[in-house]
C-alpha atoms as a PDB file:
ATOM      1  CA  UNK A   1      95.771 140.696 116.657  1.00  0.00           C
ATOM      2  CA  UNK A   2      96.122 139.050 113.518  1.00  0.00           C
ATOM      3  CA  UNK A   3      96.707 140.986 110.558  1.00  0.00           C
ATOM      4  CA  UNK A   4      93.427 141.300 108.386  1.00  0.00           C
ATOM      5  CA  UNK A   5      94.084 141.136 105.150  1.00  0.00           C
ATOM      6  CA  UNK A   6      90.644 141.375 104.005  1.00  0.00           C
ATOM      7  CA  UNK A   7      89.819 144.808 105.972  1.00  0.00           C
ATOM      8  CA  UNK A   8      93.436 146.128 104.700  1.00  0.00           C
ATOM      9  CA  UNK A   9      92.192 145.455 100.733  1.00  0.00           C
ATOM     10  CA  UNK A  10      88.517 147.350 101.840  1.00  0.00           C
ATOM     11  CA  UNK A  11      90.826 149.975 102.542  1.00  0.00           C
ATOM     12  CA  UNK A  12      93.501 150.241 100.441  1.00  0.00           C
ATOM     13  CA  UNK A  13      94.563 153.133  98.262  1.00  0.00           C
ATOM     14  CA  UNK A  14      93.701 153.185  94.404  1.00  0.00           C
ATOM     15  CA  UNK A  15      96.873 153.631  92.239  1.00  0.00           C
ATOM     16  CA  UNK A  16      96.757 156.254  89.536  1.00  0.00           C
ATOM     17  CA  UNK A  17      94.809 153.861  86.614  1.00  0.00           C
ATOM     18  CA  UNK A  18      92.826 152.626  89.551  1.00  0.00           C
ATOM     19  CA  UNK A  19      94.127 148.894  88.315  1.00  0.00           C
ATOM     20  CA  UNK A  20      95.700 148.072  92.076  1.00  0.00           C
ATOM     21  CA  UNK A  21      95.084 149.342  95.389  1.00  0.00           C
ATOM     22  CA  UNK A  22      97.843 149.536  97.688  1.00  0.00           C
ATOM     23  CA  UNK A  23      97.468 148.845 101.561  1.00  0.00           C
ATOM     24  CA  UNK A  24     100.571 148.333 104.124  1.00  0.00           C
ATOM     25  CA  UNK A  25     100.349 147.562 108.088  1.00  0.00           C
ATOM     26  CA  UNK A  26     102.252 145.455 110.236  1.00  0.00           C
ATOM     27  CA  UNK A  27     104.945 144.811 107.896  1.00  0.00           C
ATOM     28  CA  UNK A  28     103.317 143.681 105.119  1.00  0.00           C
ATOM     29  CA  UNK A  29     102.094 145.529 101.412  1.00  0.00           C
ATOM     30  CA  UNK A  30      99.059 143.860  99.954  1.00  0.00           C
ATOM     31  CA  UNK A  31      98.435 144.409  96.483  1.00  0.00           C
ATOM     32  CA  UNK A  32      95.066 143.791  95.380  1.00  0.00           C
ATOM     33  CA  UNK A  33      94.794 143.318  90.946  1.00  0.00           C
ATOM     34  CA  UNK A  34      91.127 145.305  90.712  1.00  0.00           C
ATOM     35  CA  UNK A  35      89.809 144.839  87.056  1.00  0.00           C
ATOM     36  CA  UNK A  36      86.361 143.471  87.035  1.00  0.00           C
ATOM     37  CA  UNK A  37      85.007 141.100  86.071  1.00  0.00           C
ATOM     38  CA  UNK A  38      88.509 138.876  85.757  1.00  0.00           C
ATOM     39  CA  UNK A  39      91.156 141.079  86.712  1.00  0.00           C
ATOM     40  CA  UNK A  40      92.494 140.951  83.454  1.00  0.00           C
ATOM     41  CA  UNK A  41      95.820 142.736  83.267  1.00  0.00           C
ATOM     42  CA  UNK A  42      96.349 146.032  80.832  1.00  0.00           C
ATOM     43  CA  UNK A  43      99.532 148.528  80.300  1.00  0.00           C
ATOM     44  CA  UNK A  44      97.735 150.580  83.017  1.00  0.00           C
ATOM     45  CA  UNK A  45      97.310 147.497  85.159  1.00  0.00           C
ATOM     46  CA  UNK A  46     100.761 146.797  84.550  1.00  0.00           C
ATOM     47  CA  UNK A  47     101.697 150.408  85.269  1.00  0.00           C
ATOM     48  CA  UNK A  48     100.100 150.231  88.450  1.00  0.00           C
ATOM     49  CA  UNK A  49     101.467 147.130  89.421  1.00  0.00           C
ATOM     50  CA  UNK A  50     105.206 148.457  88.835  1.00  0.00           C
ATOM     51  CA  UNK A  51     104.154 151.692  91.005  1.00  0.00           C
ATOM     52  CA  UNK A  52     103.436 149.570  93.662  1.00  0.00           C
ATOM     53  CA  UNK A  53     106.196 147.257  93.643  1.00  0.00           C
ATOM     54  CA  UNK A  54     108.478 150.445  93.858  1.00  0.00           C
ATOM     55  CA  UNK A  55     106.552 151.952  96.898  1.00  0.00           C
ATOM     56  CA  UNK A  56     106.705 148.443  98.833  1.00  0.00           C
ATOM     57  CA  UNK A  57     110.493 148.063  97.829  1.00  0.00           C
ATOM     58  CA  UNK A  58     111.366 151.692  99.328  1.00  0.00           C
ATOM     59  CA  UNK A  59     109.234 151.589 102.105  1.00  0.00           C
ATOM     60  CA  UNK A  60     111.295 150.164 105.527  1.00  0.00           C
ATOM     61  CA  UNK A  61     108.287 149.291 107.235  1.00  0.00           C
ATOM     62  CA  UNK A  62     107.548 146.548 104.402  1.00  0.00           C
ATOM     63  CA  UNK A  63     108.791 143.198 104.618  1.00  0.00           C
ATOM     64  CA  UNK A  64     106.700 141.132 102.868  1.00  0.00           C
ATOM     65  CA  UNK A  65     104.445 141.240  99.995  1.00  0.00           C
ATOM     66  CA  UNK A  66     101.122 139.882  99.213  1.00  0.00           C
ATOM     67  CA  UNK A  67      99.548 140.363  95.760  1.00  0.00           C
ATOM     68  CA  UNK A  68      96.082 139.048  95.785  1.00  0.00           C
ATOM     69  CA  UNK A  69      92.925 139.562  93.148  1.00  0.00           C
ATOM     70  CA  UNK A  70      89.818 141.385  93.923  1.00  0.00           C
ATOM     71  CA  UNK A  71      86.703 139.423  94.659  1.00  0.00           C
ATOM     72  CA  UNK A  72      86.517 135.432  94.713  1.00  0.00           C
ATOM     73  CA  UNK A  73      86.329 134.227  91.435  1.00  0.00           C
ATOM     74  CA  UNK A  74      89.398 135.413  89.672  1.00  0.00           C
ATOM     75  CA  UNK A  75      93.001 136.168  90.945  1.00  0.00           C
ATOM     76  CA  UNK A  76      93.934 137.016  87.650  1.00  0.00           C
ATOM     77  CA  UNK A  77      92.726 135.881  83.906  1.00  0.00           C
ATOM     78  CA  UNK A  78      95.598 137.160  82.496  1.00  0.00           C
ATOM     79  CA  UNK A  79      95.775 139.919  79.759  1.00  0.00           C
ATOM     80  CA  UNK A  80      92.798 141.560  78.797  1.00  0.00           C
ATOM     81  CA  UNK A  81      92.032 140.258  75.640  1.00  0.00           C
ATOM     82  CA  UNK A  82      89.718 142.910  74.383  1.00  0.00           C
ATOM     83  CA  UNK A  83      92.552 145.740  75.082  1.00  0.00           C
ATOM     84  CA  UNK A  84      95.271 143.524  73.716  1.00  0.00           C
ATOM     85  CA  UNK A  85      93.103 142.909  70.162  1.00  0.00           C
ATOM     86  CA  UNK A  86      93.063 147.014  70.189  1.00  0.00           C
ATOM     87  CA  UNK A  87      97.115 146.928  70.032  1.00  0.00           C
ATOM     88  CA  UNK A  88      98.885 147.104  66.669  1.00  0.00           C
ATOM     89  CA  UNK A  89     101.912 143.837  66.817  1.00  0.00           C
ATOM     90  CA  UNK A  90     104.353 146.700  67.930  1.00  0.00           C
ATOM     91  CA  UNK A  91     102.271 148.153  70.600  1.00  0.00           C
ATOM     92  CA  UNK A  92     101.818 144.172  71.695  1.00  0.00           C
ATOM     93  CA  UNK A  93     105.592 143.789  71.841  1.00  0.00           C
ATOM     94  CA  UNK A  94     106.275 146.813  73.748  1.00  0.00           C
ATOM     95  CA  UNK A  95     103.297 145.809  76.089  1.00  0.00           C
ATOM     96  CA  UNK A  96     104.659 142.310  76.443  1.00  0.00           C
ATOM     97  CA  UNK A  97     108.379 144.086  77.410  1.00  0.00           C
ATOM     98  CA  UNK A  98     106.819 146.190  80.264  1.00  0.00           C
ATOM     99  CA  UNK A  99     105.020 143.663  81.534  1.00  0.00           C
ATOM    100  CA  UNK A 100     108.466 141.396  81.750  1.00  0.00           C
ATOM    101  CA  UNK A 101     110.292 144.361  82.900  1.00  0.00           C
ATOM    102  CA  UNK A 102     107.457 144.901  85.771  1.00  0.00           C
ATOM    103  CA  UNK A 103     107.435 141.011  87.162  1.00  0.00           C
ATOM    104  CA  UNK A 104     111.453 141.521  86.962  1.00  0.00           C
ATOM    105  CA  UNK A 105     111.578 144.299  89.482  1.00  0.00           C
ATOM    106  CA  UNK A 106     109.227 141.964  91.544  1.00  0.00           C
ATOM    107  CA  UNK A 107     111.791 139.438  91.423  1.00  0.00           C
ATOM    108  CA  UNK A 108     114.419 141.542  92.245  1.00  0.00           C
ATOM    109  CA  UNK A 109     113.170 143.000  95.141  1.00  0.00           C
ATOM    110  CA  UNK A 110     114.577 141.723  98.034  1.00  0.00           C
ATOM    111  CA  UNK A 111     111.435 141.109 100.330  1.00  0.00           C
ATOM    112  CA  UNK A 112     109.355 138.077 100.450  1.00  0.00           C
ATOM    113  CA  UNK A 113     106.754 138.110  97.762  1.00  0.00           C
ATOM    114  CA  UNK A 114     103.667 135.919  98.028  1.00  0.00           C
ATOM    115  CA  UNK A 115     100.647 135.388  95.835  1.00  0.00           C
ATOM    116  CA  UNK A 116      97.209 134.691  97.376  1.00  0.00           C
ATOM    117  CA  UNK A 117      95.327 132.589  94.764  1.00  0.00           C
ATOM    118  CA  UNK A 118      92.098 132.548  95.224  1.00  0.00           C
ATOM    119  CA  UNK A 119      89.810 132.299  92.059  1.00  0.00           C
ATOM    120  CA  UNK A 120      91.043 131.197  88.435  1.00  0.00           C
ATOM    121  CA  UNK A 121      94.680 131.921  87.669  1.00  0.00           C
ATOM    122  CA  UNK A 122      95.193 131.327  84.232  1.00  0.00           C
ATOM    123  CA  UNK A 123      97.180 132.936  81.524  1.00  0.00           C
ATOM    124  CA  UNK A 124      99.195 135.781  82.105  1.00  0.00           C
ATOM    125  CA  UNK A 125      97.798 135.583  85.787  1.00  0.00           C
ATOM    126  CA  UNK A 126      99.738 132.536  86.488  1.00  0.00           C
ATOM    127  CA  UNK A 127     102.768 134.462  85.072  1.00  0.00           C
ATOM    128  CA  UNK A 128     102.193 136.998  87.823  1.00  0.00           C
ATOM    129  CA  UNK A 129     101.655 134.374  90.330  1.00  0.00           C
ATOM    130  CA  UNK A 130     105.176 132.892  88.940  1.00  0.00           C
ATOM    131  CA  UNK A 131     107.184 136.026  89.520  1.00  0.00           C
ATOM    132  CA  UNK A 132     105.913 135.526  93.286  1.00  0.00           C
ATOM    133  CA  UNK A 133     108.766 133.570  95.613  1.00  0.00           C
ATOM    134  CA  UNK A 134     105.346 131.944  96.990  1.00  0.00           C
ATOM    135  CA  UNK A 135     102.006 130.699  95.862  1.00  0.00           C
ATOM    136  CA  UNK A 136      99.568 129.910  98.359  1.00  0.00           C
ATOM    137  CA  UNK A 137      95.977 128.658  96.755  1.00  0.00           C
ATOM    138  CA  UNK A 138      92.262 127.503  98.315  1.00  0.00           C
ATOM    139  CA  UNK A 139      91.385 124.622  97.522  1.00  0.00           C
ATOM    140  CA  UNK A 140      88.046 124.217  94.862  1.00  0.00           C
ATOM    141  CA  UNK A 141      88.558 128.154  94.349  1.00  0.00           C
ATOM    142  CA  UNK A 142      89.276 127.520  90.762  1.00  0.00           C
ATOM    143  CA  UNK A 143      91.763 126.465  87.958  1.00  0.00           C
ATOM    144  CA  UNK A 144      95.530 127.406  86.745  1.00  0.00           C
ATOM    145  CA  UNK A 145      97.146 126.793  83.776  1.00  0.00           C
ATOM    146  CA  UNK A 146      98.745 128.434  80.710  1.00  0.00           C
ATOM    147  CA  UNK A 147      96.108 127.945  77.565  1.00  0.00           C
ATOM    148  CA  UNK A 148      97.867 130.850  75.456  1.00  0.00           C
ATOM    149  CA  UNK A 149      98.464 128.094  72.927  1.00  0.00           C
ATOM    150  CA  UNK A 150      94.622 128.271  71.927  1.00  0.00           C
ATOM    151  CA  UNK A 151      94.749 131.761  71.065  1.00  0.00           C
ATOM    152  CA  UNK A 152      97.899 130.954  68.843  1.00  0.00           C
ATOM    153  CA  UNK A 153     100.207 132.490  70.641  1.00  0.00           C
ATOM    154  CA  UNK A 154     102.497 131.654  73.417  1.00  0.00           C
ATOM    155  CA  UNK A 155     102.880 132.654  77.485  1.00  0.00           C
ATOM    156  CA  UNK A 156     105.160 136.052  76.855  1.00  0.00           C
ATOM    157  CA  UNK A 157     105.180 137.604  80.235  1.00  0.00           C
ATOM    158  CA  UNK A 158     107.785 135.021  81.467  1.00  0.00           C
ATOM    159  CA  UNK A 159     105.691 131.719  81.848  1.00  0.00           C
ATOM    160  CA  UNK A 160     107.774 129.597  79.185  1.00  0.00           C
ATOM    161  CA  UNK A 161     110.784 130.560  81.224  1.00  0.00           C
ATOM    162  CA  UNK A 162     109.614 130.729  84.815  1.00  0.00           C
ATOM    163  CA  UNK A 163     107.474 127.417  84.807  1.00  0.00           C
ATOM    164  CA  UNK A 164     110.308 125.414  82.528  1.00  0.00           C
ATOM    165  CA  UNK A 165     112.476 126.563  85.384  1.00  0.00           C
ATOM    166  CA  UNK A 166     110.203 125.506  88.402  1.00  0.00           C
ATOM    167  CA  UNK A 167     108.890 121.963  87.031  1.00  0.00           C
ATOM    168  CA  UNK A 168     111.265 120.887  84.235  1.00  0.00           C
ATOM    169  CA  UNK A 169     111.387 121.311  80.580  1.00  0.00           C
ATOM    170  CA  UNK A 170     109.371 118.501  79.246  1.00  0.00           C
ATOM    171  CA  UNK A 171     106.485 118.784  81.735  1.00  0.00           C
ATOM    172  CA  UNK A 172     106.633 122.379  80.856  1.00  0.00           C
ATOM    173  CA  UNK A 173     106.366 121.887  77.219  1.00  0.00           C
ATOM    174  CA  UNK A 174     103.694 119.408  78.066  1.00  0.00           C
ATOM    175  CA  UNK A 175     101.588 121.995  80.147  1.00  0.00           C
ATOM    176  CA  UNK A 176     101.945 125.036  77.602  1.00  0.00           C
ATOM    177  CA  UNK A 177     101.517 122.970  74.339  1.00  0.00           C
ATOM    178  CA  UNK A 178      97.971 121.000  75.614  1.00  0.00           C
ATOM    179  CA  UNK A 179      97.006 124.657  76.970  1.00  0.00           C
ATOM    180  CA  UNK A 180      95.015 122.525  79.518  1.00  0.00           C
ATOM    181  CA  UNK A 181      94.242 124.049  83.188  1.00  0.00           C
ATOM    182  CA  UNK A 182      93.762 121.930  86.749  1.00  0.00           C
ATOM    183  CA  UNK A 183      92.896 122.811  89.890  1.00  0.00           C
ATOM    184  CA  UNK A 184      95.153 123.642  92.926  1.00  0.00           C
ATOM    185  CA  UNK A 185      95.673 120.448  94.308  1.00  0.00           C
ATOM    186  CA  UNK A 186      97.424 119.081  90.729  1.00  0.00           C
ATOM    187  CA  UNK A 187      99.336 122.435  90.879  1.00  0.00           C
ATOM    188  CA  UNK A 188     100.606 121.375  94.391  1.00  0.00           C
ATOM    189  CA  UNK A 189     101.727 117.913  93.295  1.00  0.00           C
ATOM    190  CA  UNK A 190     103.692 119.489  89.727  1.00  0.00           C
ATOM    191  CA  UNK A 191     105.229 121.973  92.378  1.00  0.00           C
ATOM    192  CA  UNK A 192     103.537 125.287  91.172  1.00  0.00           C
ATOM    193  CA  UNK A 193     101.909 125.963  94.148  1.00  0.00           C
ATOM    194  CA  UNK A 194     103.713 126.123  97.371  1.00  0.00           C
ATOM    195  CA  UNK A 195     100.889 125.419  99.658  1.00  0.00           C
ATOM    196  CA  UNK A 196      96.859 124.568  99.464  1.00  0.00           C
ATOM    197  CA  UNK A 197      94.886 125.713 101.839  1.00  0.00           C
ATOM    198  CA  UNK A 198      91.351 124.147 102.198  1.00  0.00           C
ATOM    199  CA  UNK A 199      89.773 127.380 103.736  1.00  0.00           C
ATOM    200  CA  UNK A 200      86.167 127.581 102.444  1.00  0.00           C
ATOM    201  CA  UNK A 201      85.506 131.353 101.965  1.00  0.00           C
ATOM    202  CA  UNK A 202      87.570 134.125 100.702  1.00  0.00           C
ATOM    203  CA  UNK A 203      87.604 135.774 104.301  1.00  0.00           C
ATOM    204  CA  UNK A 204      88.801 132.850 106.052  1.00  0.00           C
ATOM    205  CA  UNK A 205      91.669 132.225 102.985  1.00  0.00           C
ATOM    206  CA  UNK A 206      92.813 135.922 104.001  1.00  0.00           C
ATOM    207  CA  UNK A 207      92.797 135.571 107.285  1.00  0.00           C
ATOM    208  CA  UNK A 208      95.086 132.654 107.402  1.00  0.00           C
ATOM    209  CA  UNK A 209      96.990 134.100 104.660  1.00  0.00           C
ATOM    210  CA  UNK A 210      97.601 137.185 106.846  1.00  0.00           C
ATOM    211  CA  UNK A 211      99.166 135.078 109.452  1.00  0.00           C
ATOM    212  CA  UNK A 212     101.484 133.334 107.063  1.00  0.00           C
ATOM    213  CA  UNK A 213     102.728 136.295 105.822  1.00  0.00           C
ATOM    214  CA  UNK A 214     103.396 138.216 109.125  1.00  0.00           C
ATOM    215  CA  UNK A 215     105.455 134.576 110.419  1.00  0.00           C
ATOM    216  CA  UNK A 216     108.090 136.088 108.129  1.00  0.00           C
ATOM    217  CA  UNK A 217     107.985 139.529 109.327  1.00  0.00           C
ATOM    218  CA  UNK A 218     110.196 140.893 112.577  1.00  0.00           C
ATOM    219  CA  UNK A 219     110.101 140.359 115.416  1.00  0.00           C
ATOM    220  CA  UNK A 220     109.886 136.434 114.908  1.00  0.00           C
ATOM    221  CA  UNK A 221     111.640 136.473 111.798  1.00  0.00           C
ATOM    222  CA  UNK A 222     114.792 138.157 110.621  1.00  0.00           C
ATOM    223  CA  UNK A 223     113.317 139.621 107.450  1.00  0.00           C
ATOM    224  CA  UNK A 224     116.724 141.135 106.433  1.00  0.00           C
ATOM    225  CA  UNK A 225     117.598 137.777 106.362  1.00  0.00           C
ATOM    226  CA  UNK A 226     114.681 136.152 104.351  1.00  0.00           C
ATOM    227  CA  UNK A 227     115.433 138.966 101.385  1.00  0.00           C
ATOM    228  CA  UNK A 228     119.237 138.148 101.458  1.00  0.00           C
ATOM    229  CA  UNK A 229     118.036 134.533 101.069  1.00  0.00           C
ATOM    230  CA  UNK A 230     115.740 135.522  98.191  1.00  0.00           C
ATOM    231  CA  UNK A 231     118.724 137.689  96.387  1.00  0.00           C
ATOM    232  CA  UNK A 232     120.927 134.631  96.609  1.00  0.00           C
ATOM    233  CA  UNK A 233     118.971 132.202  95.142  1.00  0.00           C
ATOM    234  CA  UNK A 234     117.189 134.615  92.332  1.00  0.00           C
ATOM    235  CA  UNK A 235     120.758 136.073  91.481  1.00  0.00           C
ATOM    236  CA  UNK A 236     122.889 132.570  91.660  1.00  0.00           C
ATOM    237  CA  UNK A 237     120.620 130.439  90.287  1.00  0.00           C
ATOM    238  CA  UNK A 238     121.567 130.794  86.560  1.00  0.00           C
ATOM    239  CA  UNK A 239     124.942 131.378  87.587  1.00  0.00           C
ATOM    240  CA  UNK A 240     128.419 128.760  87.227  1.00  0.00           C
ATOM    241  CA  UNK A 241     128.464 127.396  91.044  1.00  0.00           C
ATOM    242  CA  UNK A 242     131.039 129.276  91.874  1.00  0.00           C
ATOM    243  CA  UNK A 243     130.069 132.295  90.781  1.00  0.00           C
ATOM    244  CA  UNK A 244     126.792 131.609  92.888  1.00  0.00           C
ATOM    245  CA  UNK A 245     128.656 130.921  95.961  1.00  0.00           C
ATOM    246  CA  UNK A 246     130.736 134.254  95.929  1.00  0.00           C
ATOM    247  CA  UNK A 247     127.222 135.756  95.639  1.00  0.00           C
ATOM    248  CA  UNK A 248     126.117 133.509  98.877  1.00  0.00           C
ATOM    249  CA  UNK A 249     129.272 134.685 100.454  1.00  0.00           C
ATOM    250  CA  UNK A 250     128.941 138.487 100.344  1.00  0.00           C
ATOM    251  CA  UNK A 251     125.256 138.222 101.070  1.00  0.00           C
ATOM    252  CA  UNK A 252     126.153 136.755 104.214  1.00  0.00           C
ATOM    253  CA  UNK A 253     129.095 138.936 105.110  1.00  0.00           C
ATOM    254  CA  UNK A 254     126.220 141.620 105.300  1.00  0.00           C
ATOM    255  CA  UNK A 255     124.189 139.614 107.545  1.00  0.00           C
ATOM    256  CA  UNK A 256     126.884 138.913 109.735  1.00  0.00           C
ATOM    257  CA  UNK A 257     127.620 142.469 110.242  1.00  0.00           C
ATOM    258  CA  UNK A 258     124.046 142.828 111.003  1.00  0.00           C
ATOM    259  CA  UNK A 259     122.160 143.632 114.069  1.00  0.00           C
ATOM    260  CA  UNK A 260     119.796 140.799 113.650  1.00  0.00           C
ATOM    261  CA  UNK A 261     122.813 138.598 113.151  1.00  0.00           C
ATOM    262  CA  UNK A 262     124.110 139.134 116.535  1.00  0.00           C
ATOM    263  CA  UNK A 263     120.527 138.935 118.092  1.00  0.00           C
ATOM    264  CA  UNK A 264     120.132 135.632 116.786  1.00  0.00           C
ATOM    265  CA  UNK A 265     123.529 134.271 117.895  1.00  0.00           C
ATOM    266  CA  UNK A 266     123.141 135.694 120.985  1.00  0.00           C
ATOM    267  CA  UNK A 267     119.571 134.614 121.660  1.00  0.00           C
ATOM    268  CA  UNK A 268     120.747 131.272 120.347  1.00  0.00           C
ATOM    269  CA  UNK A 269     123.628 130.815 122.901  1.00  0.00           C
ATOM    270  CA  UNK A 270     121.701 132.729 125.816  1.00  0.00           C
ATOM    271  CA  UNK A 271     118.714 130.250 125.331  1.00  0.00           C
ATOM    272  CA  UNK A 272     116.036 132.521 124.599  1.00  0.00           C
ATOM    273  CA  UNK A 273     113.850 133.819 121.996  1.00  0.00           C
ATOM    274  CA  UNK A 274     115.299 136.215 119.647  1.00  0.00           C
ATOM    275  CA  UNK A 275     113.818 139.524 118.560  1.00  0.00           C
ATOM    276  CA  UNK A 276     114.852 140.666 115.204  1.00  0.00           C
ATOM    277  CA  UNK A 277     114.623 144.347 114.223  1.00  0.00           C
ATOM    278  CA  UNK A 278     114.925 143.953 110.337  1.00  0.00           C
ATOM    279  CA  UNK A 279     118.509 145.426 110.435  1.00  0.00           C
END
């Protein structure tokens, strides 16, 4: 039976501040951003998201993390502007610092993270998505972009850094300096979105996302290997090549000693389908 992410979302447990809901099943943890009407984030939401990331990280049964937005209209519209307007400049700085730390924790968790983009994904919402490993969007469901320039500020939750690393300096500057938003088909062409799907409603999109997420879990996939691939890329991409290769070798050595590597190599030799355990 296919993993039902939408049903998981409906029965999920709210974290202490009520801004993120958490559910886990069949190797997948679903984190749902919940702040109607636009799922704008505040310190309370980021605190809940941080707690959810730690919970998924420590849960050995979780191999893939999916982040979604409640409702069909918004994944996340970025920072809650009314909340932001209530803060002093010093508190705004610490708010951004905490958000950066939360998203770095997401990147550094050695489990695959997928952003399920159904609805608009703009500003800080796109910055959350950029911190995920893969971004899968529902065609025609909304726009994305980093329009912070229209508020007289810059994308302050990693947008200037992650977007530039993803699409290159000149393109990133153009997109952020113009502040324009664009649909998911263009986002895919730019390399911002990994996949665009054609499901016409959120329910069918989330069903497809469930199938996609479980394609990276055991027994069909060596989830430990997936996590180490992520760690090698994120840990090594900004290192000199020699240092990156050294990191790769160390991670490979750990995998060579794993039960899954023994199973994968044995299955290949014996011409059978491997059955991985994530160990």
